[in-house]
Amino acid sequence: MPGTSKKPGPLPSAKLSQAKDPEDDVELELDEISGEIPVPEIPAHKGPKPKPPAAKKAKPPAQSKAPASPFELDAAALRGLLAEQPGSLEKGLRVYREDGKAVGAGYSSPVGEIDLLATDTAGHFVVVTVMEKNSGNELLADVLKRLGWARKHLAEAEGKRVRGIVLCDEVPEDLSYTAAAVADTVRFKTFRFALSFDDIEL
């Protein structure tokens, strides 16, 4: 009605004034996450740890083979030495000669080659055998066979005796008893080399 004053409406209740506007909620949420963001802990990997790359192994320096001692001789070299210096085996020993020619080194016979056929100071025959490594009882059989041949075909005609010498590093055990049975005919000898120095007169 005109002239009638309109009474102000009731104030909003306190409950309503405390209500949050949806936009305020959004802003609040934004404010909360706009600060430092906590980083979640990442659980440790439980699988097998990756192996580090294998380090390359350095190749060891090549080792040069030690030179053979000048005093070491194989069987062939020893035979050659005896042919040149039979007296080094026994004083007065000489390479067997036929018609004035030395033929006793590597002497060929029907029962096998004789390493050195020699004669001693009395003119008796000496059959020298250089023992190869890993030789056994068959060696002595071969030596006796050569001794028998030399006795029959060389010594008897001249009225000479025959004996044998076997050169070896050491007598194998399986040969010792057999060798003892022919000790009067065959002697076993070991060998070694000596180095000597002499003054030079200038």
N, C-alpha and C. Protein backbone atom coordinates (compact mmCIF):
# COMPACT_ATOMS: atom_id res chain seq x y z
N MET A 1 0.86 -1.17 0.00
CA MET A 1 0.00 0.00 0.00
C MET A 1 0.89 1.21 0.00
N PRO A 2 0.43 2.34 -0.67
CA PRO A 2 1.22 3.56 -0.66
C PRO A 2 1.29 4.11 0.73
N GLY A 3 2.52 4.57 0.98
CA GLY A 3 2.75 5.16 2.27
C GLY A 3 3.04 4.16 3.34
N THR A 4 2.87 2.95 2.95
CA THR A 4 3.16 1.90 3.95
C THR A 4 4.62 1.53 3.84
N SER A 5 5.35 1.64 4.90
CA SER A 5 6.79 1.31 4.89
C SER A 5 6.97 -0.20 4.91
N LYS A 6 7.85 -0.54 4.06
CA LYS A 6 8.14 -1.99 3.94
C LYS A 6 9.14 -2.41 5.00
N LYS A 7 8.79 -3.31 5.77
CA LYS A 7 9.68 -3.79 6.80
C LYS A 7 10.78 -4.62 6.18
N PRO A 8 11.96 -4.30 6.65
CA PRO A 8 13.07 -5.10 6.10
C PRO A 8 12.88 -6.57 6.42
N GLY A 9 13.26 -7.34 5.49
CA GLY A 9 13.13 -8.79 5.70
C GLY A 9 14.11 -9.28 6.77
N PRO A 10 13.86 -10.42 7.23
CA PRO A 10 14.74 -10.99 8.28
C PRO A 10 16.15 -11.19 7.75
N LEU A 11 17.09 -10.96 8.61
CA LEU A 11 18.50 -11.15 8.24
C LEU A 11 18.76 -12.63 7.99
N PRO A 12 19.63 -12.87 7.09
CA PRO A 12 19.94 -14.29 6.87
C PRO A 12 20.48 -14.90 8.13
N SER A 13 20.12 -16.09 8.33
CA SER A 13 20.53 -16.75 9.57
C SER A 13 22.04 -16.95 9.57
N ALA A 14 22.54 -17.11 10.76
CA ALA A 14 24.00 -17.30 10.89
C ALA A 14 24.46 -18.53 10.16
N LYS A 15 23.55 -19.49 10.12
CA LYS A 15 23.91 -20.73 9.43
C LYS A 15 24.15 -20.49 7.97
N LEU A 16 23.29 -19.64 7.40
CA LEU A 16 23.43 -19.36 5.97
C LEU A 16 24.68 -18.55 5.71
N SER A 17 25.03 -17.66 6.65
CA SER A 17 26.19 -16.81 6.41
C SER A 17 27.49 -17.62 6.47
N GLN A 18 27.36 -18.74 7.15
CA GLN A 18 28.57 -19.56 7.24
C GLN A 18 28.71 -20.54 6.08
N ALA A 19 27.68 -20.57 5.23
CA ALA A 19 27.75 -21.51 4.09
C ALA A 19 28.84 -21.10 3.13
N LYS A 20 29.48 -22.02 2.55
CA LYS A 20 30.58 -21.73 1.64
C LYS A 20 30.09 -21.77 0.22
N ASP A 21 30.49 -20.75 -0.47
CA ASP A 21 30.18 -20.69 -1.89
C ASP A 21 31.03 -21.74 -2.61
N PRO A 22 30.45 -22.39 -3.62
CA PRO A 22 31.24 -23.41 -4.34
C PRO A 22 32.52 -22.85 -4.88
N GLU A 23 32.50 -21.56 -5.29
CA GLU A 23 33.71 -20.98 -5.85
C GLU A 23 34.76 -20.84 -4.77
N ASP A 24 34.32 -20.49 -3.52
CA ASP A 24 35.27 -20.39 -2.42
C ASP A 24 35.94 -21.72 -2.18
N ASP A 25 35.19 -22.82 -2.32
CA ASP A 25 35.76 -24.14 -2.09
C ASP A 25 36.84 -24.40 -3.10
N VAL A 26 36.59 -24.06 -4.35
CA VAL A 26 37.57 -24.30 -5.40
C VAL A 26 38.82 -23.53 -5.12
N GLU A 27 38.62 -22.23 -4.73
CA GLU A 27 39.79 -21.40 -4.45
C GLU A 27 40.58 -21.95 -3.29
N LEU A 28 39.87 -22.47 -2.29
CA LEU A 28 40.53 -23.02 -1.12
C LEU A 28 41.35 -24.24 -1.51
N GLU A 29 40.72 -25.06 -2.34
CA GLU A 29 41.44 -26.26 -2.76
C GLU A 29 42.65 -25.88 -3.58
N LEU A 30 42.50 -24.88 -4.38
CA LEU A 30 43.64 -24.43 -5.18
C LEU A 30 44.74 -23.88 -4.28
N ASP A 31 44.29 -23.14 -3.25
CA ASP A 31 45.28 -22.60 -2.32
C ASP A 31 46.05 -23.71 -1.62
N GLU A 32 45.32 -24.79 -1.31
CA GLU A 32 45.98 -25.88 -0.59
C GLU A 32 47.01 -26.59 -1.45
N ILE A 33 46.77 -26.73 -2.72
CA ILE A 33 47.70 -27.47 -3.57
C ILE A 33 48.68 -26.57 -4.29
N SER A 34 48.48 -25.21 -4.09
CA SER A 34 49.39 -24.32 -4.78
C SER A 34 50.72 -24.19 -4.04
N GLY A 35 50.76 -24.74 -2.79
CA GLY A 35 52.00 -24.68 -2.04
C GLY A 35 52.96 -25.81 -2.46
N GLU A 36 53.84 -26.21 -1.55
CA GLU A 36 54.78 -27.29 -1.86
C GLU A 36 54.04 -28.61 -1.97
N ILE A 37 54.29 -29.30 -3.04
CA ILE A 37 53.63 -30.59 -3.28
C ILE A 37 54.50 -31.68 -2.69
N PRO A 38 53.98 -32.39 -1.71
CA PRO A 38 54.80 -33.46 -1.13
C PRO A 38 55.06 -34.56 -2.16
N VAL A 39 56.31 -34.94 -2.26
CA VAL A 39 56.69 -35.98 -3.24
C VAL A 39 56.52 -37.34 -2.60
N PRO A 40 55.67 -38.17 -3.16
CA PRO A 40 55.47 -39.49 -2.55
C PRO A 40 56.74 -40.33 -2.63
N GLU A 41 56.95 -41.12 -1.60
CA GLU A 41 58.11 -42.00 -1.58
C GLU A 41 57.92 -43.13 -2.58
N ILE A 42 58.95 -43.32 -3.39
CA ILE A 42 58.89 -44.41 -4.37
C ILE A 42 59.51 -45.64 -3.73
N PRO A 43 58.75 -46.71 -3.63
CA PRO A 43 59.30 -47.91 -2.98
C PRO A 43 60.52 -48.43 -3.72
N ALA A 44 61.46 -48.94 -2.95
CA ALA A 44 62.70 -49.46 -3.55
C ALA A 44 62.40 -50.66 -4.43
N HIS A 45 63.15 -50.74 -5.53
CA HIS A 45 62.95 -51.84 -6.47
C HIS A 45 63.41 -53.15 -5.83
N LYS A 46 62.50 -54.10 -5.79
CA LYS A 46 62.81 -55.35 -5.09
C LYS A 46 63.43 -56.40 -6.00
N GLY A 47 63.52 -56.13 -7.28
CA GLY A 47 64.08 -57.12 -8.20
C GLY A 47 65.59 -57.20 -8.06
N PRO A 48 66.26 -58.09 -8.80
CA PRO A 48 67.72 -58.20 -8.73
C PRO A 48 68.38 -56.95 -9.24
N LYS A 49 69.43 -56.54 -8.53
CA LYS A 49 70.13 -55.32 -8.93
C LYS A 49 70.87 -55.58 -10.23
N PRO A 50 70.80 -54.60 -11.12
CA PRO A 50 71.52 -54.78 -12.39
C PRO A 50 73.02 -54.87 -12.13
N LYS A 51 73.66 -55.82 -12.80
CA LYS A 51 75.10 -56.00 -12.61
C LYS A 51 75.85 -54.89 -13.33
N PRO A 52 76.87 -54.35 -12.67
CA PRO A 52 77.67 -53.33 -13.35
C PRO A 52 78.40 -53.97 -14.51
N PRO A 53 78.69 -53.21 -15.54
CA PRO A 53 79.41 -53.78 -16.69
C PRO A 53 80.74 -54.36 -16.26
N ALA A 54 81.01 -55.57 -16.74
CA ALA A 54 82.25 -56.24 -16.33
C ALA A 54 83.44 -55.49 -16.88
N ALA A 55 84.40 -55.29 -16.01
CA ALA A 55 85.61 -54.59 -16.43
C ALA A 55 86.43 -55.52 -17.32
N LYS A 56 86.97 -54.98 -18.36
CA LYS A 56 87.77 -55.78 -19.27
C LYS A 56 89.07 -56.18 -18.59
N LYS A 57 89.32 -57.48 -18.59
CA LYS A 57 90.54 -57.97 -17.97
C LYS A 57 91.72 -57.69 -18.88
N ALA A 58 92.72 -57.13 -18.28
CA ALA A 58 93.93 -56.86 -19.04
C ALA A 58 94.66 -58.16 -19.32
N LYS A 59 95.08 -58.36 -20.54
CA LYS A 59 95.79 -59.58 -20.90
C LYS A 59 97.16 -59.57 -20.26
N PRO A 60 97.53 -60.69 -19.61
CA PRO A 60 98.86 -60.73 -19.01
C PRO A 60 99.92 -60.68 -20.09
N PRO A 61 101.04 -60.06 -19.81
CA PRO A 61 102.08 -59.97 -20.84
C PRO A 61 102.56 -61.36 -21.23
N ALA A 62 102.78 -61.54 -22.50
CA ALA A 62 103.21 -62.85 -23.00
C ALA A 62 104.56 -63.19 -22.40
N GLN A 63 104.63 -64.39 -21.84
CA GLN A 63 105.87 -64.81 -21.23
C GLN A 63 106.71 -65.54 -22.26
N SER A 64 107.89 -65.06 -22.44
CA SER A 64 108.77 -65.69 -23.40
C SER A 64 109.30 -66.99 -22.82
N LYS A 65 109.36 -67.97 -23.64
CA LYS A 65 109.84 -69.27 -23.18
C LYS A 65 111.31 -69.18 -22.84
N ALA A 66 111.65 -69.73 -21.69
CA ALA A 66 113.03 -69.68 -21.26
C ALA A 66 113.90 -70.46 -22.23
N PRO A 67 115.00 -69.89 -22.65
CA PRO A 67 115.87 -70.61 -23.58
C PRO A 67 116.44 -71.85 -22.94
N ALA A 68 116.61 -72.87 -23.75
CA ALA A 68 117.17 -74.11 -23.23
C ALA A 68 118.60 -73.88 -22.79
N SER A 69 118.99 -74.59 -21.77
CA SER A 69 120.35 -74.46 -21.27
C SER A 69 121.32 -74.96 -22.32
N PRO A 70 122.44 -74.26 -22.52
CA PRO A 70 123.41 -74.73 -23.52
C PRO A 70 124.05 -76.05 -23.13
N PHE A 71 123.85 -76.49 -21.86
CA PHE A 71 124.44 -77.74 -21.41
C PHE A 71 123.48 -78.91 -21.52
N GLU A 72 122.29 -78.67 -22.04
CA GLU A 72 121.32 -79.75 -22.21
C GLU A 72 121.42 -80.27 -23.64
N LEU A 73 121.62 -81.58 -23.77
CA LEU A 73 121.73 -82.18 -25.08
C LEU A 73 120.72 -83.31 -25.20
N ASP A 74 120.11 -83.40 -26.37
CA ASP A 74 119.23 -84.54 -26.59
C ASP A 74 120.09 -85.71 -27.05
N ALA A 75 119.43 -86.84 -27.27
CA ALA A 75 120.17 -88.05 -27.61
C ALA A 75 120.98 -87.88 -28.90
N ALA A 76 120.39 -87.22 -29.90
CA ALA A 76 121.08 -87.06 -31.18
C ALA A 76 122.33 -86.19 -31.02
N ALA A 77 122.22 -85.11 -30.24
CA ALA A 77 123.36 -84.24 -30.04
C ALA A 77 124.46 -84.95 -29.26
N LEU A 78 124.06 -85.79 -28.30
CA LEU A 78 125.06 -86.55 -27.52
C LEU A 78 125.79 -87.54 -28.41
N ARG A 79 125.08 -88.16 -29.33
CA ARG A 79 125.73 -89.08 -30.26
C ARG A 79 126.76 -88.35 -31.12
N GLY A 80 126.39 -87.15 -31.55
CA GLY A 80 127.31 -86.36 -32.36
C GLY A 80 128.56 -85.98 -31.58
N LEU A 81 128.38 -85.63 -30.29
CA LEU A 81 129.51 -85.27 -29.45
C LEU A 81 130.45 -86.46 -29.25
N LEU A 82 129.87 -87.65 -29.02
CA LEU A 82 130.69 -88.84 -28.83
C LEU A 82 131.47 -89.21 -30.10
N ALA A 83 130.86 -88.98 -31.26
CA ALA A 83 131.55 -89.28 -32.51
C ALA A 83 132.76 -88.38 -32.69
N GLU A 84 132.66 -87.14 -32.21
CA GLU A 84 133.77 -86.20 -32.34
C GLU A 84 134.80 -86.37 -31.23
N GLN A 85 134.33 -86.71 -30.02
CA GLN A 85 135.23 -86.80 -28.87
C GLN A 85 134.97 -88.09 -28.08
N PRO A 86 135.26 -89.24 -28.64
CA PRO A 86 135.02 -90.50 -27.92
C PRO A 86 135.86 -90.60 -26.65
N GLY A 87 137.00 -89.93 -26.63
CA GLY A 87 137.86 -89.97 -25.45
C GLY A 87 137.25 -89.30 -24.24
N SER A 88 136.21 -88.46 -24.44
CA SER A 88 135.54 -87.84 -23.30
C SER A 88 134.72 -88.87 -22.53
N LEU A 89 134.35 -89.97 -23.17
CA LEU A 89 133.62 -91.05 -22.51
C LEU A 89 134.57 -91.97 -21.74
N GLU A 90 135.68 -92.27 -22.38
CA GLU A 90 136.68 -93.14 -21.76
C GLU A 90 138.03 -92.81 -22.39
N LYS A 91 139.01 -92.63 -21.56
CA LYS A 91 140.34 -92.25 -22.06
C LYS A 91 140.87 -93.31 -23.01
N GLY A 92 141.32 -92.85 -24.16
CA GLY A 92 141.90 -93.76 -25.15
C GLY A 92 140.89 -94.38 -26.09
N LEU A 93 139.60 -94.08 -25.89
CA LEU A 93 138.57 -94.66 -26.76
C LEU A 93 138.63 -93.99 -28.13
N ARG A 94 138.51 -94.82 -29.19
CA ARG A 94 138.57 -94.31 -30.56
C ARG A 94 137.41 -94.86 -31.37
N VAL A 95 136.97 -94.08 -32.34
CA VAL A 95 135.92 -94.54 -33.25
C VAL A 95 136.48 -95.69 -34.08
N TYR A 96 135.69 -96.76 -34.22
CA TYR A 96 136.12 -97.93 -34.98
C TYR A 96 136.41 -97.53 -36.43
N ARG A 97 137.53 -98.09 -36.93
CA ARG A 97 137.96 -97.75 -38.28
C ARG A 97 138.03 -98.99 -39.15
N GLU A 98 137.69 -98.84 -40.42
CA GLU A 98 137.84 -99.90 -41.41
C GLU A 98 138.61 -99.32 -42.59
N ASP A 99 139.69 -99.98 -42.96
CA ASP A 99 140.56 -99.52 -44.04
C ASP A 99 141.03 -98.07 -43.81
N GLY A 100 141.30 -97.79 -42.53
CA GLY A 100 141.84 -96.47 -42.19
C GLY A 100 140.80 -95.36 -42.10
N LYS A 101 139.53 -95.72 -42.29
CA LYS A 101 138.47 -94.70 -42.27
C LYS A 101 137.57 -94.93 -41.05
N ALA A 102 137.28 -93.83 -40.33
CA ALA A 102 136.41 -93.94 -39.15
C ALA A 102 134.97 -94.16 -39.60
N VAL A 103 134.43 -95.33 -39.22
CA VAL A 103 133.07 -95.69 -39.65
C VAL A 103 132.18 -96.06 -38.46
N GLY A 104 132.70 -95.95 -37.24
CA GLY A 104 131.97 -96.47 -36.08
C GLY A 104 130.83 -95.61 -35.59
N ALA A 105 130.74 -94.32 -36.00
CA ALA A 105 129.64 -93.46 -35.55
C ALA A 105 128.40 -93.78 -36.36
N GLY A 106 127.33 -94.23 -35.67
CA GLY A 106 126.11 -94.63 -36.36
C GLY A 106 126.37 -95.84 -37.24
N TYR A 107 127.07 -96.81 -36.68
CA TYR A 107 127.49 -97.99 -37.45
C TYR A 107 126.27 -98.86 -37.78
N SER A 108 126.13 -99.15 -39.05
CA SER A 108 124.99 -99.95 -39.51
C SER A 108 125.33 -101.44 -39.43
N SER A 109 124.41 -102.20 -38.80
CA SER A 109 124.58 -103.65 -38.69
C SER A 109 123.25 -104.33 -39.02
N PRO A 110 123.28 -105.61 -39.32
CA PRO A 110 122.03 -106.31 -39.64
C PRO A 110 121.04 -106.36 -38.48
N VAL A 111 121.51 -106.14 -37.24
CA VAL A 111 120.61 -106.21 -36.08
C VAL A 111 120.24 -104.80 -35.57
N GLY A 112 120.57 -103.78 -36.31
CA GLY A 112 120.22 -102.42 -35.91
C GLY A 112 121.45 -101.52 -35.85
N GLU A 113 121.19 -100.24 -35.89
CA GLU A 113 122.30 -99.28 -35.88
C GLU A 113 122.94 -99.19 -34.50
N ILE A 114 124.27 -99.15 -34.49
CA ILE A 114 125.03 -98.99 -33.25
C ILE A 114 125.38 -97.50 -33.13
N ASP A 115 124.99 -96.89 -32.03
CA ASP A 115 125.24 -95.44 -31.87
C ASP A 115 126.72 -95.11 -32.04
N LEU A 116 127.57 -95.88 -31.35
CA LEU A 116 129.01 -95.68 -31.51
C LEU A 116 129.71 -97.02 -31.31
N LEU A 117 130.38 -97.46 -32.36
CA LEU A 117 131.22 -98.64 -32.27
C LEU A 117 132.65 -98.13 -32.14
N ALA A 118 133.29 -98.47 -31.01
CA ALA A 118 134.62 -97.93 -30.73
C ALA A 118 135.57 -99.04 -30.33
N THR A 119 136.84 -98.66 -30.23
CA THR A 119 137.86 -99.58 -29.72
C THR A 119 138.60 -98.89 -28.59
N ASP A 120 139.00 -99.67 -27.57
CA ASP A 120 139.72 -99.08 -26.45
C ASP A 120 141.23 -99.16 -26.68
N THR A 121 142.01 -98.83 -25.68
CA THR A 121 143.47 -98.78 -25.84
C THR A 121 144.07 -100.15 -26.14
N ALA A 122 143.36 -101.22 -25.73
CA ALA A 122 143.87 -102.58 -25.99
C ALA A 122 143.34 -103.12 -27.31
N GLY A 123 142.53 -102.33 -28.03
CA GLY A 123 142.00 -102.78 -29.30
C GLY A 123 140.71 -103.57 -29.18
N HIS A 124 140.16 -103.72 -27.95
CA HIS A 124 138.90 -104.44 -27.77
C HIS A 124 137.72 -103.55 -28.22
N PHE A 125 136.63 -104.20 -28.57
CA PHE A 125 135.48 -103.47 -29.09
C PHE A 125 134.58 -102.97 -27.95
N VAL A 126 134.05 -101.77 -28.16
CA VAL A 126 133.12 -101.18 -27.20
C VAL A 126 131.88 -100.72 -27.97
N VAL A 127 130.75 -101.25 -27.61
CA VAL A 127 129.48 -100.87 -28.23
C VAL A 127 128.79 -99.84 -27.32
N VAL A 128 128.68 -98.61 -27.79
CA VAL A 128 128.10 -97.54 -26.98
C VAL A 128 126.68 -97.26 -27.44
N THR A 129 125.76 -97.20 -26.47
CA THR A 129 124.35 -96.93 -26.77
C THR A 129 123.88 -95.74 -25.94
N VAL A 130 123.23 -94.77 -26.59
CA VAL A 130 122.65 -93.62 -25.90
C VAL A 130 121.18 -93.95 -25.65
N MET A 131 120.82 -93.98 -24.38
CA MET A 131 119.46 -94.39 -24.00
C MET A 131 118.47 -93.27 -24.26
N GLU A 132 117.43 -93.57 -24.98
CA GLU A 132 116.35 -92.60 -25.20
C GLU A 132 115.46 -92.56 -23.96
N LYS A 133 114.73 -91.47 -23.80
CA LYS A 133 113.81 -91.37 -22.66
C LYS A 133 112.69 -92.40 -22.81
N ASN A 134 112.19 -92.85 -21.66
CA ASN A 134 111.11 -93.84 -21.60
C ASN A 134 111.48 -95.18 -22.21
N SER A 135 112.78 -95.47 -22.23
CA SER A 135 113.19 -96.80 -22.70
C SER A 135 113.08 -97.79 -21.53
N GLY A 136 112.81 -99.02 -21.83
CA GLY A 136 112.64 -100.03 -20.79
C GLY A 136 113.54 -101.23 -21.01
N ASN A 137 113.02 -102.40 -20.64
CA ASN A 137 113.80 -103.62 -20.75
C ASN A 137 114.17 -103.96 -22.19
N GLU A 138 113.37 -103.48 -23.15
CA GLU A 138 113.68 -103.79 -24.54
C GLU A 138 115.01 -103.17 -24.96
N LEU A 139 115.42 -102.09 -24.26
CA LEU A 139 116.70 -101.45 -24.59
C LEU A 139 117.85 -102.43 -24.35
N LEU A 140 117.84 -103.09 -23.21
CA LEU A 140 118.92 -104.02 -22.88
C LEU A 140 118.94 -105.19 -23.87
N ALA A 141 117.78 -105.63 -24.30
CA ALA A 141 117.73 -106.71 -25.29
C ALA A 141 118.38 -106.26 -26.59
N ASP A 142 118.13 -105.01 -26.99
CA ASP A 142 118.74 -104.49 -28.21
C ASP A 142 120.26 -104.36 -28.06
N VAL A 143 120.70 -103.91 -26.88
CA VAL A 143 122.14 -103.77 -26.63
C VAL A 143 122.83 -105.13 -26.72
N LEU A 144 122.26 -106.13 -26.07
CA LEU A 144 122.85 -107.47 -26.09
C LEU A 144 122.88 -108.06 -27.50
N LYS A 145 121.85 -107.74 -28.27
CA LYS A 145 121.80 -108.24 -29.65
C LYS A 145 122.96 -107.65 -30.46
N ARG A 146 123.24 -106.36 -30.26
CA ARG A 146 124.33 -105.71 -30.98
C ARG A 146 125.70 -106.22 -30.50
N LEU A 147 125.79 -106.46 -29.18
CA LEU A 147 127.03 -107.01 -28.64
C LEU A 147 127.31 -108.40 -29.23
N GLY A 148 126.27 -109.21 -29.29
CA GLY A 148 126.44 -110.56 -29.85
C GLY A 148 126.87 -110.51 -31.30
N TRP A 149 126.28 -109.60 -32.05
CA TRP A 149 126.66 -109.50 -33.47
C TRP A 149 128.12 -109.06 -33.61
N ALA A 150 128.52 -108.04 -32.84
CA ALA A 150 129.89 -107.54 -32.92
C ALA A 150 130.89 -108.62 -32.49
N ARG A 151 130.52 -109.39 -31.47
CA ARG A 151 131.42 -110.46 -31.01
C ARG A 151 131.61 -111.52 -32.10
N LYS A 152 130.52 -111.88 -32.73
CA LYS A 152 130.58 -112.96 -33.72
C LYS A 152 131.23 -112.53 -35.03
N HIS A 153 130.96 -111.31 -35.47
CA HIS A 153 131.40 -110.91 -36.81
C HIS A 153 132.63 -110.00 -36.83
N LEU A 154 132.99 -109.43 -35.68
CA LEU A 154 134.14 -108.53 -35.68
C LEU A 154 135.24 -109.00 -34.72
N ALA A 155 134.84 -109.32 -33.49
CA ALA A 155 135.84 -109.57 -32.45
C ALA A 155 136.51 -110.93 -32.57
N GLU A 156 135.73 -111.96 -32.87
CA GLU A 156 136.29 -113.31 -32.89
C GLU A 156 137.40 -113.46 -33.92
N ALA A 157 137.20 -112.84 -35.06
CA ALA A 157 138.20 -112.96 -36.12
C ALA A 157 139.52 -112.33 -35.71
N GLU A 158 139.47 -111.36 -34.82
CA GLU A 158 140.68 -110.66 -34.40
C GLU A 158 141.10 -111.07 -32.99
N GLY A 159 140.35 -111.97 -32.37
CA GLY A 159 140.68 -112.42 -31.02
C GLY A 159 140.47 -111.32 -29.98
N LYS A 160 139.46 -110.52 -30.16
CA LYS A 160 139.18 -109.41 -29.25
C LYS A 160 137.91 -109.68 -28.44
N ARG A 161 137.76 -108.93 -27.38
CA ARG A 161 136.55 -109.02 -26.56
C ARG A 161 135.61 -107.86 -26.93
N VAL A 162 134.36 -108.00 -26.48
CA VAL A 162 133.35 -106.96 -26.72
C VAL A 162 132.65 -106.62 -25.40
N ARG A 163 132.52 -105.39 -25.13
CA ARG A 163 131.75 -104.92 -23.96
C ARG A 163 130.87 -103.76 -24.39
N GLY A 164 129.89 -103.45 -23.54
CA GLY A 164 128.95 -102.39 -23.89
C GLY A 164 128.90 -101.29 -22.84
N ILE A 165 128.59 -100.10 -23.29
CA ILE A 165 128.37 -98.95 -22.39
C ILE A 165 127.03 -98.32 -22.79
N VAL A 166 126.16 -98.12 -21.80
CA VAL A 166 124.87 -97.46 -22.04
C VAL A 166 124.88 -96.13 -21.29
N LEU A 167 124.62 -95.06 -22.00
CA LEU A 167 124.57 -93.72 -21.41
C LEU A 167 123.12 -93.33 -21.16
N CYS A 168 122.82 -92.90 -19.95
CA CYS A 168 121.45 -92.54 -19.61
C CYS A 168 121.46 -91.52 -18.48
N ASP A 169 120.33 -90.83 -18.33
CA ASP A 169 120.19 -89.88 -17.22
C ASP A 169 120.18 -90.63 -15.89
N GLU A 170 119.40 -91.69 -15.84
CA GLU A 170 119.34 -92.56 -14.67
C GLU A 170 118.76 -93.91 -15.10
N VAL A 171 119.13 -94.93 -14.37
CA VAL A 171 118.65 -96.27 -14.73
C VAL A 171 117.24 -96.45 -14.18
N PRO A 172 116.24 -96.72 -15.04
CA PRO A 172 114.88 -96.94 -14.56
C PRO A 172 114.82 -98.15 -13.63
N GLU A 173 113.87 -98.11 -12.69
CA GLU A 173 113.75 -99.20 -11.72
C GLU A 173 113.50 -100.54 -12.38
N ASP A 174 112.67 -100.53 -13.43
CA ASP A 174 112.34 -101.81 -14.06
C ASP A 174 113.50 -102.39 -14.86
N LEU A 175 114.59 -101.62 -14.96
CA LEU A 175 115.74 -102.09 -15.71
C LEU A 175 116.91 -102.48 -14.80
N SER A 176 116.86 -102.06 -13.54
CA SER A 176 118.00 -102.22 -12.65
C SER A 176 118.37 -103.68 -12.43
N TYR A 177 117.39 -104.56 -12.20
CA TYR A 177 117.70 -105.97 -11.94
C TYR A 177 118.22 -106.66 -13.21
N THR A 178 117.63 -106.31 -14.33
CA THR A 178 118.09 -106.90 -15.59
C THR A 178 119.52 -106.46 -15.88
N ALA A 179 119.80 -105.18 -15.61
CA ALA A 179 121.15 -104.67 -15.86
C ALA A 179 122.16 -105.33 -14.93
N ALA A 180 121.75 -105.64 -13.71
CA ALA A 180 122.65 -106.27 -12.75
C ALA A 180 123.08 -107.65 -13.24
N ALA A 181 122.23 -108.31 -14.00
CA ALA A 181 122.53 -109.67 -14.49
C ALA A 181 123.63 -109.65 -15.56
N VAL A 182 123.84 -108.51 -16.21
CA VAL A 182 124.85 -108.43 -17.28
C VAL A 182 125.92 -107.40 -16.93
N ALA A 183 126.11 -107.15 -15.63
CA ALA A 183 127.02 -106.10 -15.19
C ALA A 183 128.45 -106.32 -15.66
N ASP A 184 128.85 -107.59 -15.88
CA ASP A 184 130.22 -107.87 -16.33
C ASP A 184 130.42 -107.51 -17.80
N THR A 185 129.33 -107.40 -18.52
CA THR A 185 129.43 -107.15 -19.96
C THR A 185 128.99 -105.73 -20.34
N VAL A 186 127.94 -105.24 -19.66
CA VAL A 186 127.39 -103.92 -19.99
C VAL A 186 127.46 -103.01 -18.77
N ARG A 187 128.01 -101.84 -18.96
CA ARG A 187 128.08 -100.86 -17.88
C ARG A 187 127.16 -99.69 -18.23
N PHE A 188 126.47 -99.19 -17.20
CA PHE A 188 125.61 -98.02 -17.37
C PHE A 188 126.32 -96.80 -16.80
N LYS A 189 126.26 -95.72 -17.54
CA LYS A 189 126.90 -94.49 -17.10
C LYS A 189 125.93 -93.32 -17.26
N THR A 190 125.99 -92.41 -16.30
CA THR A 190 125.26 -91.15 -16.45
C THR A 190 126.25 -90.11 -16.95
N PHE A 191 125.73 -88.97 -17.37
CA PHE A 191 126.61 -87.94 -17.91
C PHE A 191 126.21 -86.57 -17.38
N ARG A 192 127.17 -85.70 -17.31
CA ARG A 192 126.94 -84.31 -16.95
C ARG A 192 127.98 -83.46 -17.67
N PHE A 193 127.69 -82.18 -17.75
CA PHE A 193 128.58 -81.27 -18.45
C PHE A 193 129.21 -80.31 -17.46
N ALA A 194 130.47 -80.02 -17.67
CA ALA A 194 131.19 -79.09 -16.79
C ALA A 194 131.67 -77.90 -17.62
N LEU A 195 131.68 -76.74 -16.98
CA LEU A 195 132.14 -75.52 -17.64
C LEU A 195 133.45 -75.10 -16.98
N SER A 196 134.49 -74.86 -17.78
CA SER A 196 135.78 -74.46 -17.25
C SER A 196 136.27 -73.21 -17.96
N PHE A 197 137.09 -72.43 -17.28
CA PHE A 197 137.64 -71.20 -17.82
C PHE A 197 139.17 -71.27 -17.78
N ASP A 198 139.79 -70.87 -18.85
CA ASP A 198 141.24 -70.89 -18.95
C ASP A 198 141.76 -69.48 -19.26
N ASP A 199 142.93 -69.17 -18.70
CA ASP A 199 143.56 -67.89 -18.99
C ASP A 199 144.10 -67.88 -20.42
N ILE A 200 144.08 -66.72 -21.01
CA ILE A 200 144.63 -66.54 -22.35
C ILE A 200 145.94 -65.78 -22.24
N GLU A 201 146.99 -66.38 -22.75
CA GLU A 201 148.28 -65.68 -22.72
C GLU A 201 148.41 -64.83 -23.99
N LEU A 202 148.55 -63.53 -23.75
CA LEU A 202 148.66 -62.58 -24.87
C LEU A 202 150.11 -62.18 -25.11
